[in-house]
Amino acid sequence: METFKDIFKNSFLENFSASQISAADTAITLLITFLIGIFIFQVYKRTFQGIMYTKSFNVSLVMIAMVTSLVIMAVTTNIVLSLGMVGALSIVRFRTAIKDPMDIVFMFWAIAVGIVTGASFYLLAVMGSVIIGIILLVFANFKSQTSPYILLLDYLNSEAEKAILEKLKDKVKRYNIKSKTVTGENIELSVELRIKNGEIDFINELKSIDSVSNAVLISYNGDYAA
């Protein structure tokens, strides 16, 4: 009488061990994964809105997709190998800091493409990537008409502060005082504002006010970028 262990070994394990991946299947899968990876590469390059574009990270997205595809192809053909792969990958730890949350989106996208193509769901990988890419491009091209700025001012007295606020009311669309620091005789004011039609000449007028020693306007999109 066969036990459950014997049935499992004779049917399930043997079926997985007998399956093989041909060279043609491997080449087709890697080629499709590479082409989708190039599409991800282009979308990332066109939608990047951070401070410093890193080509090496963008190239790594293509390689992540291809490596993941290889792993999935191996896992789906041999259950014994898949169990060993799970154990091996469980000890891997990645500690690279991700500065932009959108980078995480692209990393998951590349991994998902590798998983789907490795499982031979090519149509799903292509259609899903096209839809995701179009959505990302639409959001990247949708820009607010009033970009936020941070204004930093150094001045000496309350008369200068009144003149500054009056000038802001007249020259900018809206503003919000974020902080005010008083150090001895020096006063530092931090203001978040929305400018009108890209006009930034008012910063020169603020600097010309008596007792204003310093005026700095900084573009703000989540990170400081001069």
N, C-alpha and C. Protein backbone atom coordinates (compact mmCIF):
# COMPACT_ATOMS: atom_id res chain seq x y z
N MET A 1 0.85 -1.20 0.00
CA MET A 1 0.00 0.00 0.00
C MET A 1 0.88 1.25 0.00
N GLU A 2 0.64 2.15 -0.97
CA GLU A 2 1.46 3.35 -1.09
C GLU A 2 1.03 4.38 -0.05
N THR A 3 2.00 4.97 0.54
CA THR A 3 1.74 6.04 1.48
C THR A 3 1.62 7.38 0.73
N PHE A 4 1.21 8.39 1.46
CA PHE A 4 1.08 9.72 0.86
C PHE A 4 2.44 10.21 0.36
N LYS A 5 3.48 9.87 1.08
CA LYS A 5 4.83 10.28 0.67
C LYS A 5 5.20 9.67 -0.67
N ASP A 6 4.87 8.40 -0.86
CA ASP A 6 5.17 7.74 -2.13
C ASP A 6 4.39 8.35 -3.29
N ILE A 7 3.10 8.61 -3.05
CA ILE A 7 2.27 9.22 -4.10
C ILE A 7 2.80 10.59 -4.48
N PHE A 8 3.18 11.37 -3.49
CA PHE A 8 3.71 12.71 -3.73
C PHE A 8 5.01 12.65 -4.53
N LYS A 9 5.87 11.71 -4.16
CA LYS A 9 7.15 11.57 -4.83
C LYS A 9 6.98 11.09 -6.27
N ASN A 10 6.10 10.10 -6.49
CA ASN A 10 5.96 9.49 -7.81
C ASN A 10 5.24 10.38 -8.82
N SER A 11 4.31 11.19 -8.36
CA SER A 11 3.53 12.01 -9.28
C SER A 11 4.01 13.45 -9.34
N PHE A 12 3.98 14.12 -8.21
CA PHE A 12 4.22 15.56 -8.18
C PHE A 12 5.68 15.90 -8.48
N LEU A 13 6.58 15.29 -7.74
CA LEU A 13 7.98 15.61 -7.90
C LEU A 13 8.51 15.20 -9.26
N GLU A 14 8.13 14.03 -9.74
CA GLU A 14 8.63 13.54 -11.01
C GLU A 14 8.15 14.40 -12.17
N ASN A 15 6.93 14.88 -12.08
CA ASN A 15 6.41 15.74 -13.15
C ASN A 15 7.20 17.04 -13.25
N PHE A 16 7.54 17.61 -12.08
CA PHE A 16 8.29 18.86 -12.10
C PHE A 16 9.73 18.61 -12.53
N SER A 17 10.30 17.49 -12.11
CA SER A 17 11.69 17.22 -12.46
C SER A 17 11.83 16.92 -13.94
N ALA A 18 10.79 16.36 -14.55
CA ALA A 18 10.87 15.99 -15.96
C ALA A 18 10.76 17.18 -16.90
N SER A 19 10.14 18.26 -16.42
CA SER A 19 9.94 19.41 -17.29
C SER A 19 11.25 20.15 -17.50
N GLN A 20 11.50 20.57 -18.72
CA GLN A 20 12.73 21.26 -19.08
C GLN A 20 12.37 22.52 -19.88
N ILE A 21 13.27 23.48 -19.84
CA ILE A 21 13.10 24.70 -20.63
C ILE A 21 14.06 24.63 -21.79
N SER A 22 13.53 24.80 -22.99
CA SER A 22 14.37 24.76 -24.18
C SER A 22 15.14 26.06 -24.34
N ALA A 23 16.19 26.00 -25.15
CA ALA A 23 16.98 27.21 -25.41
C ALA A 23 16.15 28.27 -26.10
N ALA A 24 15.26 27.85 -26.99
CA ALA A 24 14.40 28.81 -27.69
C ALA A 24 13.46 29.52 -26.74
N ASP A 25 12.86 28.76 -25.80
CA ASP A 25 11.96 29.38 -24.81
C ASP A 25 12.70 30.38 -23.94
N THR A 26 13.92 29.99 -23.53
CA THR A 26 14.72 30.89 -22.71
C THR A 26 15.06 32.17 -23.45
N ALA A 27 15.47 32.03 -24.71
CA ALA A 27 15.83 33.21 -25.51
C ALA A 27 14.63 34.12 -25.73
N ILE A 28 13.47 33.53 -26.03
CA ILE A 28 12.26 34.33 -26.26
C ILE A 28 11.86 35.09 -24.99
N THR A 29 11.89 34.37 -23.86
CA THR A 29 11.51 35.01 -22.59
C THR A 29 12.44 36.15 -22.24
N LEU A 30 13.75 35.93 -22.37
CA LEU A 30 14.71 36.99 -22.04
C LEU A 30 14.61 38.16 -23.02
N LEU A 31 14.34 37.86 -24.29
CA LEU A 31 14.21 38.94 -25.27
C LEU A 31 12.99 39.81 -24.96
N ILE A 32 11.87 39.17 -24.68
CA ILE A 32 10.65 39.93 -24.35
C ILE A 32 10.86 40.74 -23.07
N THR A 33 11.50 40.11 -22.08
CA THR A 33 11.77 40.82 -20.82
C THR A 33 12.68 42.01 -21.06
N PHE A 34 13.69 41.82 -21.90
CA PHE A 34 14.62 42.91 -22.20
C PHE A 34 13.90 44.06 -22.89
N LEU A 35 13.04 43.77 -23.86
CA LEU A 35 12.32 44.82 -24.57
C LEU A 35 11.39 45.59 -23.64
N ILE A 36 10.71 44.86 -22.75
CA ILE A 36 9.85 45.55 -21.77
C ILE A 36 10.71 46.36 -20.81
N GLY A 37 11.89 45.81 -20.46
CA GLY A 37 12.81 46.55 -19.59
C GLY A 37 13.28 47.85 -20.23
N ILE A 38 13.53 47.83 -21.54
CA ILE A 38 13.90 49.06 -22.24
C ILE A 38 12.75 50.06 -22.21
N PHE A 39 11.53 49.57 -22.32
CA PHE A 39 10.35 50.44 -22.20
C PHE A 39 10.30 51.08 -20.81
N ILE A 40 10.54 50.28 -19.78
CA ILE A 40 10.60 50.83 -18.41
C ILE A 40 11.72 51.86 -18.30
N PHE A 41 12.86 51.58 -18.91
CA PHE A 41 14.00 52.50 -18.92
C PHE A 41 13.60 53.85 -19.48
N GLN A 42 12.92 53.85 -20.62
CA GLN A 42 12.52 55.10 -21.27
C GLN A 42 11.47 55.85 -20.46
N VAL A 43 10.52 55.11 -19.90
CA VAL A 43 9.48 55.76 -19.09
C VAL A 43 10.09 56.41 -17.86
N TYR A 44 11.02 55.71 -17.20
CA TYR A 44 11.68 56.28 -16.01
C TYR A 44 12.45 57.54 -16.39
N LYS A 45 13.16 57.49 -17.52
CA LYS A 45 13.96 58.64 -17.94
C LYS A 45 13.08 59.85 -18.25
N ARG A 46 11.92 59.61 -18.87
CA ARG A 46 11.04 60.71 -19.26
C ARG A 46 10.21 61.26 -18.10
N THR A 47 9.96 60.43 -17.11
CA THR A 47 9.10 60.87 -16.00
C THR A 47 9.89 61.27 -14.76
N PHE A 48 11.22 61.15 -14.80
CA PHE A 48 12.02 61.47 -13.62
C PHE A 48 11.89 62.95 -13.26
N GLN A 49 11.57 63.23 -12.01
CA GLN A 49 11.39 64.61 -11.57
C GLN A 49 12.20 64.91 -10.32
N GLY A 50 13.16 64.06 -10.01
CA GLY A 50 14.00 64.28 -8.85
C GLY A 50 15.09 65.30 -9.12
N ILE A 51 16.05 65.37 -8.21
CA ILE A 51 17.12 66.36 -8.31
C ILE A 51 18.22 65.87 -9.24
N MET A 52 18.62 64.61 -9.10
CA MET A 52 19.74 64.08 -9.87
C MET A 52 19.38 62.74 -10.49
N TYR A 53 19.37 62.69 -11.82
CA TYR A 53 19.06 61.46 -12.53
C TYR A 53 20.26 60.52 -12.48
N THR A 54 20.01 59.25 -12.13
CA THR A 54 21.07 58.24 -12.04
C THR A 54 20.84 57.18 -13.10
N LYS A 55 21.71 57.15 -14.10
CA LYS A 55 21.54 56.20 -15.19
C LYS A 55 21.76 54.77 -14.70
N SER A 56 22.68 54.58 -13.75
CA SER A 56 22.96 53.23 -13.26
C SER A 56 21.73 52.60 -12.61
N PHE A 57 20.94 53.40 -11.89
CA PHE A 57 19.72 52.87 -11.30
C PHE A 57 18.73 52.49 -12.39
N ASN A 58 18.65 53.33 -13.43
CA ASN A 58 17.72 53.04 -14.53
C ASN A 58 18.12 51.74 -15.24
N VAL A 59 19.42 51.56 -15.48
CA VAL A 59 19.89 50.32 -16.11
C VAL A 59 19.60 49.12 -15.21
N SER A 60 19.73 49.33 -13.91
CA SER A 60 19.47 48.22 -12.98
C SER A 60 18.03 47.74 -13.04
N LEU A 61 17.09 48.61 -13.45
CA LEU A 61 15.70 48.18 -13.58
C LEU A 61 15.56 47.13 -14.68
N VAL A 62 16.28 47.33 -15.78
CA VAL A 62 16.26 46.34 -16.86
C VAL A 62 16.84 45.02 -16.38
N MET A 63 17.96 45.09 -15.66
CA MET A 63 18.60 43.87 -15.19
C MET A 63 17.78 43.16 -14.12
N ILE A 64 17.09 43.93 -13.28
CA ILE A 64 16.22 43.31 -12.26
C ILE A 64 15.14 42.49 -12.93
N ALA A 65 14.53 43.05 -13.98
CA ALA A 65 13.48 42.32 -14.70
C ALA A 65 14.02 41.03 -15.30
N MET A 66 15.20 41.09 -15.91
CA MET A 66 15.75 39.90 -16.56
C MET A 66 16.19 38.84 -15.56
N VAL A 67 16.82 39.27 -14.47
CA VAL A 67 17.25 38.31 -13.44
C VAL A 67 16.05 37.64 -12.78
N THR A 68 15.02 38.46 -12.49
CA THR A 68 13.80 37.89 -11.90
C THR A 68 13.15 36.88 -12.84
N SER A 69 13.17 37.20 -14.14
CA SER A 69 12.61 36.27 -15.12
C SER A 69 13.36 34.94 -15.11
N LEU A 70 14.69 34.97 -15.02
CA LEU A 70 15.48 33.73 -14.94
C LEU A 70 15.12 32.91 -13.71
N VAL A 71 14.98 33.60 -12.59
CA VAL A 71 14.64 32.90 -11.33
C VAL A 71 13.28 32.23 -11.45
N ILE A 72 12.31 32.94 -12.00
CA ILE A 72 10.95 32.39 -12.11
C ILE A 72 10.93 31.20 -13.07
N MET A 73 11.68 31.28 -14.17
CA MET A 73 11.74 30.15 -15.08
C MET A 73 12.30 28.91 -14.39
N ALA A 74 13.31 29.10 -13.56
CA ALA A 74 13.89 27.97 -12.84
C ALA A 74 12.92 27.42 -11.80
N VAL A 75 12.24 28.32 -11.11
CA VAL A 75 11.32 27.90 -10.04
C VAL A 75 10.13 27.14 -10.60
N THR A 76 9.61 27.57 -11.76
CA THR A 76 8.39 26.94 -12.30
C THR A 76 8.64 25.58 -12.94
N THR A 77 9.90 25.21 -13.12
CA THR A 77 10.19 23.92 -13.76
C THR A 77 10.64 22.85 -12.79
N ASN A 78 11.00 23.22 -11.56
CA ASN A 78 11.51 22.23 -10.62
C ASN A 78 11.14 22.65 -9.21
N ILE A 79 10.27 21.89 -8.57
CA ILE A 79 9.79 22.26 -7.24
C ILE A 79 10.90 22.15 -6.21
N VAL A 80 11.81 21.20 -6.38
CA VAL A 80 12.92 21.06 -5.43
C VAL A 80 13.81 22.29 -5.49
N LEU A 81 14.11 22.73 -6.73
CA LEU A 81 14.90 23.94 -6.90
C LEU A 81 14.19 25.16 -6.35
N SER A 82 12.86 25.19 -6.52
CA SER A 82 12.11 26.34 -6.02
C SER A 82 12.18 26.45 -4.51
N LEU A 83 12.11 25.31 -3.83
CA LEU A 83 12.22 25.34 -2.37
C LEU A 83 13.61 25.79 -1.93
N GLY A 84 14.62 25.33 -2.63
CA GLY A 84 15.97 25.78 -2.31
C GLY A 84 16.17 27.24 -2.61
N MET A 85 15.54 27.73 -3.69
CA MET A 85 15.65 29.13 -4.06
C MET A 85 15.01 30.03 -3.01
N VAL A 86 13.88 29.60 -2.48
CA VAL A 86 13.21 30.38 -1.43
C VAL A 86 14.11 30.49 -0.21
N GLY A 87 14.73 29.39 0.16
CA GLY A 87 15.63 29.42 1.31
C GLY A 87 16.84 30.29 1.08
N ALA A 88 17.38 30.25 -0.15
CA ALA A 88 18.57 31.06 -0.45
C ALA A 88 18.24 32.54 -0.48
N LEU A 89 17.12 32.90 -1.12
CA LEU A 89 16.75 34.31 -1.25
C LEU A 89 16.28 34.91 0.07
N SER A 90 15.84 34.07 1.01
CA SER A 90 15.34 34.59 2.29
C SER A 90 16.45 35.22 3.13
N ILE A 91 17.72 34.89 2.84
CA ILE A 91 18.82 35.45 3.63
C ILE A 91 19.39 36.71 2.99
N VAL A 92 18.87 37.09 1.80
CA VAL A 92 19.37 38.27 1.11
C VAL A 92 18.73 39.52 1.71
N ARG A 93 19.53 40.51 2.00
CA ARG A 93 19.03 41.77 2.54
C ARG A 93 19.57 42.93 1.71
N PHE A 94 18.68 43.81 1.27
CA PHE A 94 19.07 44.97 0.51
C PHE A 94 18.87 46.21 1.39
N ARG A 95 19.95 46.95 1.59
CA ARG A 95 19.90 48.10 2.49
C ARG A 95 20.16 49.42 1.77
N THR A 96 20.04 49.45 0.45
CA THR A 96 20.22 50.69 -0.30
C THR A 96 19.04 51.61 -0.06
N ALA A 97 19.33 52.85 0.33
CA ALA A 97 18.26 53.80 0.63
C ALA A 97 17.60 54.27 -0.66
N ILE A 98 16.29 54.30 -0.67
CA ILE A 98 15.52 54.80 -1.81
C ILE A 98 15.08 56.21 -1.48
N LYS A 99 15.60 57.20 -2.24
CA LYS A 99 15.32 58.60 -1.94
C LYS A 99 13.97 59.05 -2.47
N ASP A 100 13.60 58.58 -3.65
CA ASP A 100 12.35 58.99 -4.28
C ASP A 100 11.34 57.85 -4.21
N PRO A 101 10.15 58.10 -3.66
CA PRO A 101 9.14 57.02 -3.61
C PRO A 101 8.80 56.44 -4.98
N MET A 102 8.92 57.22 -6.05
CA MET A 102 8.63 56.71 -7.38
C MET A 102 9.64 55.64 -7.81
N ASP A 103 10.85 55.69 -7.26
CA ASP A 103 11.83 54.65 -7.57
C ASP A 103 11.35 53.28 -7.10
N ILE A 104 10.63 53.26 -5.98
CA ILE A 104 10.08 51.99 -5.48
C ILE A 104 9.04 51.46 -6.46
N VAL A 105 8.23 52.36 -7.03
CA VAL A 105 7.23 51.95 -8.01
C VAL A 105 7.90 51.27 -9.20
N PHE A 106 8.97 51.87 -9.71
CA PHE A 106 9.66 51.30 -10.87
C PHE A 106 10.35 49.98 -10.51
N MET A 107 10.86 49.87 -9.30
CA MET A 107 11.48 48.60 -8.89
C MET A 107 10.45 47.48 -8.85
N PHE A 108 9.28 47.74 -8.27
CA PHE A 108 8.23 46.74 -8.23
C PHE A 108 7.72 46.42 -9.64
N TRP A 109 7.68 47.43 -10.48
CA TRP A 109 7.26 47.21 -11.87
C TRP A 109 8.23 46.26 -12.57
N ALA A 110 9.52 46.50 -12.42
CA ALA A 110 10.53 45.64 -13.05
C ALA A 110 10.46 44.21 -12.51
N ILE A 111 10.28 44.07 -11.20
CA ILE A 111 10.17 42.73 -10.59
C ILE A 111 8.92 42.02 -11.10
N ALA A 112 7.80 42.76 -11.17
CA ALA A 112 6.55 42.16 -11.64
C ALA A 112 6.68 41.69 -13.08
N VAL A 113 7.35 42.47 -13.92
CA VAL A 113 7.56 42.07 -15.31
C VAL A 113 8.38 40.79 -15.37
N GLY A 114 9.44 40.71 -14.57
CA GLY A 114 10.24 39.50 -14.54
C GLY A 114 9.46 38.28 -14.11
N ILE A 115 8.59 38.44 -13.11
CA ILE A 115 7.77 37.32 -12.64
C ILE A 115 6.79 36.87 -13.71
N VAL A 116 6.11 37.82 -14.34
CA VAL A 116 5.08 37.49 -15.33
C VAL A 116 5.68 36.87 -16.58
N THR A 117 6.77 37.45 -17.09
CA THR A 117 7.39 36.87 -18.29
C THR A 117 8.06 35.54 -17.97
N GLY A 118 8.62 35.41 -16.79
CA GLY A 118 9.21 34.13 -16.40
C GLY A 118 8.19 33.02 -16.34
N ALA A 119 6.94 33.38 -16.05
CA ALA A 119 5.85 32.40 -16.04
C ALA A 119 5.18 32.27 -17.40
N SER A 120 5.75 32.92 -18.42
CA SER A 120 5.30 32.83 -19.83
C SER A 120 3.97 33.54 -20.08
N PHE A 121 3.60 34.49 -19.25
CA PHE A 121 2.40 35.30 -19.51
C PHE A 121 2.84 36.57 -20.25
N TYR A 122 3.25 36.41 -21.50
CA TYR A 122 3.84 37.52 -22.25
C TYR A 122 2.84 38.63 -22.54
N LEU A 123 1.63 38.26 -22.93
CA LEU A 123 0.62 39.26 -23.26
C LEU A 123 0.29 40.11 -22.03
N LEU A 124 0.16 39.46 -20.88
CA LEU A 124 -0.11 40.19 -19.64
C LEU A 124 1.01 41.17 -19.33
N ALA A 125 2.25 40.74 -19.51
CA ALA A 125 3.40 41.61 -19.24
C ALA A 125 3.41 42.82 -20.17
N VAL A 126 3.15 42.58 -21.47
CA VAL A 126 3.18 43.68 -22.44
C VAL A 126 2.04 44.65 -22.21
N MET A 127 0.81 44.13 -22.10
CA MET A 127 -0.35 45.01 -21.92
C MET A 127 -0.28 45.77 -20.60
N GLY A 128 0.09 45.07 -19.54
CA GLY A 128 0.20 45.72 -18.24
C GLY A 128 1.25 46.81 -18.24
N SER A 129 2.40 46.57 -18.87
CA SER A 129 3.46 47.56 -18.92
C SER A 129 3.05 48.78 -19.74
N VAL A 130 2.37 48.55 -20.85
CA VAL A 130 1.91 49.68 -21.68
C VAL A 130 0.94 50.56 -20.89
N ILE A 131 0.00 49.95 -20.20
CA ILE A 131 -0.98 50.73 -19.43
C ILE A 131 -0.30 51.49 -18.29
N ILE A 132 0.60 50.82 -17.56
CA ILE A 132 1.31 51.49 -16.46
C ILE A 132 2.16 52.63 -17.00
N GLY A 133 2.86 52.40 -18.13
CA GLY A 133 3.69 53.45 -18.71
C GLY A 133 2.89 54.66 -19.12
N ILE A 134 1.72 54.45 -19.74
CA ILE A 134 0.87 55.56 -20.16
C ILE A 134 0.40 56.36 -18.95
N ILE A 135 0.00 55.67 -17.89
CA ILE A 135 -0.46 56.37 -16.68
C ILE A 135 0.65 57.22 -16.08
N LEU A 136 1.87 56.66 -16.00
CA LEU A 136 2.99 57.41 -15.45
C LEU A 136 3.34 58.62 -16.30
N LEU A 137 3.29 58.47 -17.62
CA LEU A 137 3.57 59.60 -18.51
C LEU A 137 2.52 60.70 -18.38
N VAL A 138 1.26 60.30 -18.22
CA VAL A 138 0.19 61.29 -18.05
C VAL A 138 0.40 62.09 -16.77
N PHE A 139 0.70 61.40 -15.66
CA PHE A 139 0.91 62.10 -14.40
C PHE A 139 2.15 62.97 -14.45
N ALA A 140 3.20 62.52 -15.16
CA ALA A 140 4.42 63.30 -15.25
C ALA A 140 4.22 64.58 -16.04
N ASN A 141 3.36 64.54 -17.06
CA ASN A 141 3.11 65.72 -17.89
C ASN A 141 2.04 66.63 -17.32
N PHE A 142 1.36 66.17 -16.28
CA PHE A 142 0.34 67.00 -15.65
C PHE A 142 1.00 67.83 -14.55
N LYS A 143 1.27 69.08 -14.85
CA LYS A 143 1.98 69.96 -13.92
C LYS A 143 1.05 71.07 -13.43
N SER A 144 1.22 71.41 -12.19
CA SER A 144 0.43 72.50 -11.61
C SER A 144 0.85 73.84 -12.22
N GLN A 145 -0.10 74.73 -12.39
CA GLN A 145 0.19 76.04 -12.96
C GLN A 145 0.93 76.94 -11.98
N THR A 146 0.84 76.67 -10.69
CA THR A 146 1.50 77.48 -9.68
C THR A 146 2.47 76.60 -8.89
N SER A 147 3.73 76.63 -9.26
CA SER A 147 4.74 75.83 -8.58
C SER A 147 5.05 76.44 -7.22
N PRO A 148 5.25 75.60 -6.21
CA PRO A 148 5.55 76.13 -4.88
C PRO A 148 7.00 76.59 -4.78
N TYR A 149 7.21 77.64 -4.00
CA TYR A 149 8.55 78.16 -3.73
C TYR A 149 8.69 78.42 -2.24
N ILE A 150 9.93 78.40 -1.80
CA ILE A 150 10.26 78.78 -0.42
C ILE A 150 11.09 80.05 -0.48
N LEU A 151 10.64 81.09 0.25
CA LEU A 151 11.35 82.36 0.31
C LEU A 151 12.00 82.51 1.68
N LEU A 152 13.31 82.77 1.67
CA LEU A 152 14.07 82.97 2.91
C LEU A 152 14.55 84.41 2.95
N LEU A 153 14.24 85.10 4.04
CA LEU A 153 14.58 86.52 4.17
C LEU A 153 15.28 86.78 5.50
N ASP A 154 16.31 87.63 5.45
CA ASP A 154 16.99 88.11 6.65
C ASP A 154 16.84 89.63 6.71
N TYR A 155 16.34 90.12 7.84
CA TYR A 155 16.15 91.57 8.01
C TYR A 155 16.33 91.91 9.48
N LEU A 156 16.19 93.24 9.79
CA LEU A 156 16.59 93.69 11.13
C LEU A 156 15.46 94.22 12.00
N ASN A 157 14.35 94.67 11.44
CA ASN A 157 13.33 95.31 12.28
C ASN A 157 11.93 95.03 11.76
N SER A 158 10.93 95.41 12.56
CA SER A 158 9.53 95.15 12.23
C SER A 158 9.06 95.99 11.06
N GLU A 159 9.69 97.20 10.86
CA GLU A 159 9.30 98.02 9.72
C GLU A 159 9.61 97.30 8.40
N ALA A 160 10.75 96.64 8.36
CA ALA A 160 11.11 95.88 7.16
C ALA A 160 10.16 94.70 6.95
N GLU A 161 9.72 94.10 8.06
CA GLU A 161 8.79 92.97 7.96
C GLU A 161 7.45 93.42 7.39
N LYS A 162 6.96 94.57 7.82
CA LYS A 162 5.70 95.08 7.28
C LYS A 162 5.82 95.36 5.78
N ALA A 163 6.94 95.94 5.38
CA ALA A 163 7.14 96.24 3.96
C ALA A 163 7.23 94.94 3.15
N ILE A 164 7.86 93.93 3.72
CA ILE A 164 7.97 92.63 3.04
C ILE A 164 6.60 92.01 2.81
N LEU A 165 5.77 92.01 3.85
CA LEU A 165 4.45 91.40 3.74
C LEU A 165 3.56 92.16 2.77
N GLU A 166 3.68 93.48 2.76
CA GLU A 166 2.90 94.27 1.81
C GLU A 166 3.32 93.96 0.37
N LYS A 167 4.62 93.80 0.18
CA LYS A 167 5.12 93.49 -1.15
C LYS A 167 4.66 92.10 -1.61
N LEU A 168 4.64 91.15 -0.68
CA LEU A 168 4.20 89.80 -1.01
C LEU A 168 2.72 89.77 -1.38
N LYS A 169 1.90 90.53 -0.65
CA LYS A 169 0.47 90.58 -0.95
C LYS A 169 0.23 91.10 -2.36
N ASP A 170 1.10 91.99 -2.81
CA ASP A 170 0.91 92.63 -4.11
C ASP A 170 1.51 91.80 -5.25
N LYS A 171 2.60 91.07 -4.99
CA LYS A 171 3.37 90.44 -6.06
C LYS A 171 3.12 88.94 -6.24
N VAL A 172 2.69 88.23 -5.20
CA VAL A 172 2.54 86.77 -5.33
C VAL A 172 1.07 86.39 -5.27
N LYS A 173 0.79 85.19 -5.73
CA LYS A 173 -0.60 84.72 -5.78
C LYS A 173 -1.12 84.45 -4.38
N ARG A 174 -0.35 83.74 -3.58
CA ARG A 174 -0.67 83.53 -2.17
C ARG A 174 0.60 83.11 -1.44
N TYR A 175 0.61 83.30 -0.14
CA TYR A 175 1.79 82.95 0.65
C TYR A 175 1.36 82.46 2.03
N ASN A 176 2.26 81.74 2.66
CA ASN A 176 2.01 81.22 4.00
C ASN A 176 3.33 81.23 4.77
N ILE A 177 3.36 81.93 5.90
CA ILE A 177 4.57 82.02 6.71
C ILE A 177 4.81 80.68 7.41
N LYS A 178 5.95 80.06 7.15
CA LYS A 178 6.28 78.76 7.72
C LYS A 178 7.03 78.87 9.04
N SER A 179 7.94 79.86 9.15
CA SER A 179 8.69 80.02 10.39
C SER A 179 9.26 81.43 10.48
N LYS A 180 9.51 81.82 11.71
CA LYS A 180 10.14 83.11 11.99
C LYS A 180 11.12 82.91 13.13
N THR A 181 12.38 83.25 12.86
CA THR A 181 13.44 83.04 13.85
C THR A 181 14.10 84.38 14.17
N VAL A 182 14.18 84.69 15.46
CA VAL A 182 14.80 85.93 15.92
C VAL A 182 16.09 85.57 16.64
N THR A 183 17.22 86.06 16.13
CA THR A 183 18.52 85.80 16.74
C THR A 183 19.20 87.15 16.96
N GLY A 184 19.19 87.63 18.20
CA GLY A 184 19.74 88.95 18.48
C GLY A 184 18.95 90.01 17.75
N GLU A 185 19.65 90.78 16.92
CA GLU A 185 18.98 91.81 16.14
C GLU A 185 18.53 91.29 14.78
N ASN A 186 18.96 90.11 14.42
CA ASN A 186 18.63 89.57 13.10
C ASN A 186 17.35 88.75 13.16
N ILE A 187 16.50 88.88 12.15
CA ILE A 187 15.25 88.14 12.03
C ILE A 187 15.28 87.35 10.72
N GLU A 188 14.95 86.07 10.80
CA GLU A 188 14.91 85.22 9.61
C GLU A 188 13.48 84.74 9.40
N LEU A 189 12.95 84.96 8.20
CA LEU A 189 11.57 84.60 7.88
C LEU A 189 11.57 83.57 6.75
N SER A 190 10.78 82.50 6.93
CA SER A 190 10.62 81.47 5.92
C SER A 190 9.17 81.47 5.46
N VAL A 191 8.96 81.64 4.15
CA VAL A 191 7.62 81.79 3.60
C VAL A 191 7.43 80.82 2.42
N GLU A 192 6.34 80.07 2.44
CA GLU A 192 5.95 79.26 1.28
C GLU A 192 4.99 80.08 0.43
N LEU A 193 5.24 80.14 -0.87
CA LEU A 193 4.41 80.99 -1.71
C LEU A 193 4.20 80.40 -3.09
N ARG A 194 3.19 80.93 -3.78
CA ARG A 194 2.88 80.60 -5.16
C ARG A 194 3.01 81.88 -5.98
N ILE A 195 3.89 81.86 -6.98
CA ILE A 195 4.13 83.07 -7.75
C ILE A 195 3.14 83.18 -8.91
N LYS A 196 3.06 84.39 -9.49
CA LYS A 196 2.14 84.65 -10.60
C LYS A 196 2.87 84.51 -11.93
N ASN A 197 2.43 83.57 -12.76
CA ASN A 197 2.92 83.44 -14.14
C ASN A 197 4.44 83.35 -14.23
N GLY A 198 5.06 82.71 -13.25
CA GLY A 198 6.50 82.51 -13.30
C GLY A 198 7.32 83.76 -13.05
N GLU A 199 6.72 84.85 -12.57
CA GLU A 199 7.43 86.10 -12.35
C GLU A 199 8.16 86.05 -11.00
N ILE A 200 9.47 86.20 -11.07
CA ILE A 200 10.29 86.15 -9.84
C ILE A 200 11.08 87.44 -9.63
N ASP A 201 10.78 88.46 -10.39
CA ASP A 201 11.51 89.73 -10.23
C ASP A 201 11.24 90.39 -8.89
N PHE A 202 10.16 90.01 -8.23
CA PHE A 202 9.83 90.65 -6.95
C PHE A 202 10.92 90.41 -5.90
N ILE A 203 11.73 89.35 -6.10
CA ILE A 203 12.80 89.07 -5.15
C ILE A 203 13.81 90.21 -5.11
N ASN A 204 14.00 90.87 -6.26
CA ASN A 204 14.91 92.02 -6.31
C ASN A 204 14.34 93.20 -5.53
N GLU A 205 13.02 93.36 -5.62
CA GLU A 205 12.37 94.45 -4.89
C GLU A 205 12.43 94.20 -3.39
N LEU A 206 12.30 92.93 -2.99
CA LEU A 206 12.40 92.62 -1.56
C LEU A 206 13.80 92.91 -1.04
N LYS A 207 14.81 92.58 -1.85
CA LYS A 207 16.20 92.82 -1.42
C LYS A 207 16.48 94.31 -1.29
N SER A 208 15.79 95.15 -2.06
CA SER A 208 16.03 96.59 -2.03
C SER A 208 15.39 97.27 -0.83
N ILE A 209 14.53 96.56 -0.08
CA ILE A 209 13.91 97.15 1.11
C ILE A 209 14.98 97.41 2.16
N ASP A 210 14.88 98.55 2.84
CA ASP A 210 15.84 98.89 3.90
C ASP A 210 15.84 97.82 4.98
N SER A 211 17.02 97.49 5.47
CA SER A 211 17.26 96.53 6.56
C SER A 211 17.15 95.08 6.12
N VAL A 212 16.81 94.81 4.84
CA VAL A 212 16.81 93.43 4.34
C VAL A 212 18.22 93.11 3.85
N SER A 213 18.88 92.17 4.51
CA SER A 213 20.26 91.85 4.18
C SER A 213 20.39 90.67 3.22
N ASN A 214 19.38 89.81 3.18
CA ASN A 214 19.49 88.62 2.34
C ASN A 214 18.09 88.17 1.91
N ALA A 215 17.95 87.77 0.63
CA ALA A 215 16.68 87.27 0.10
C ALA A 215 16.98 86.12 -0.85
N VAL A 216 16.42 84.92 -0.54
CA VAL A 216 16.69 83.72 -1.32
C VAL A 216 15.36 83.08 -1.69
N LEU A 217 15.19 82.75 -2.98
CA LEU A 217 13.99 82.08 -3.47
C LEU A 217 14.38 80.68 -3.93
N ILE A 218 13.69 79.65 -3.40
CA ILE A 218 14.06 78.27 -3.67
C ILE A 218 12.85 77.53 -4.22
N SER A 219 13.04 76.83 -5.34
CA SER A 219 11.99 75.98 -5.88
C SER A 219 11.80 74.79 -4.96
N TYR A 220 10.54 74.40 -4.71
CA TYR A 220 10.26 73.34 -3.77
C TYR A 220 9.28 72.34 -4.37
N ASN A 221 9.71 71.05 -4.40
CA ASN A 221 8.83 69.99 -4.90
C ASN A 221 8.91 68.75 -4.02
N GLY A 222 9.15 68.94 -2.74
CA GLY A 222 9.34 67.83 -1.82
C GLY A 222 10.77 67.78 -1.34
N ASP A 223 11.72 68.21 -2.20
CA ASP A 223 13.12 68.36 -1.86
C ASP A 223 13.53 69.77 -2.21
N TYR A 224 14.55 70.25 -1.55
CA TYR A 224 15.04 71.57 -1.86
C TYR A 224 15.93 71.51 -3.07
N ALA A 225 15.65 72.36 -4.03
CA ALA A 225 16.47 72.43 -5.25
C ALA A 225 16.63 73.89 -5.62
N ALA A 226 17.85 74.38 -5.56
CA ALA A 226 18.09 75.79 -5.84
C ALA A 226 17.88 76.10 -7.31
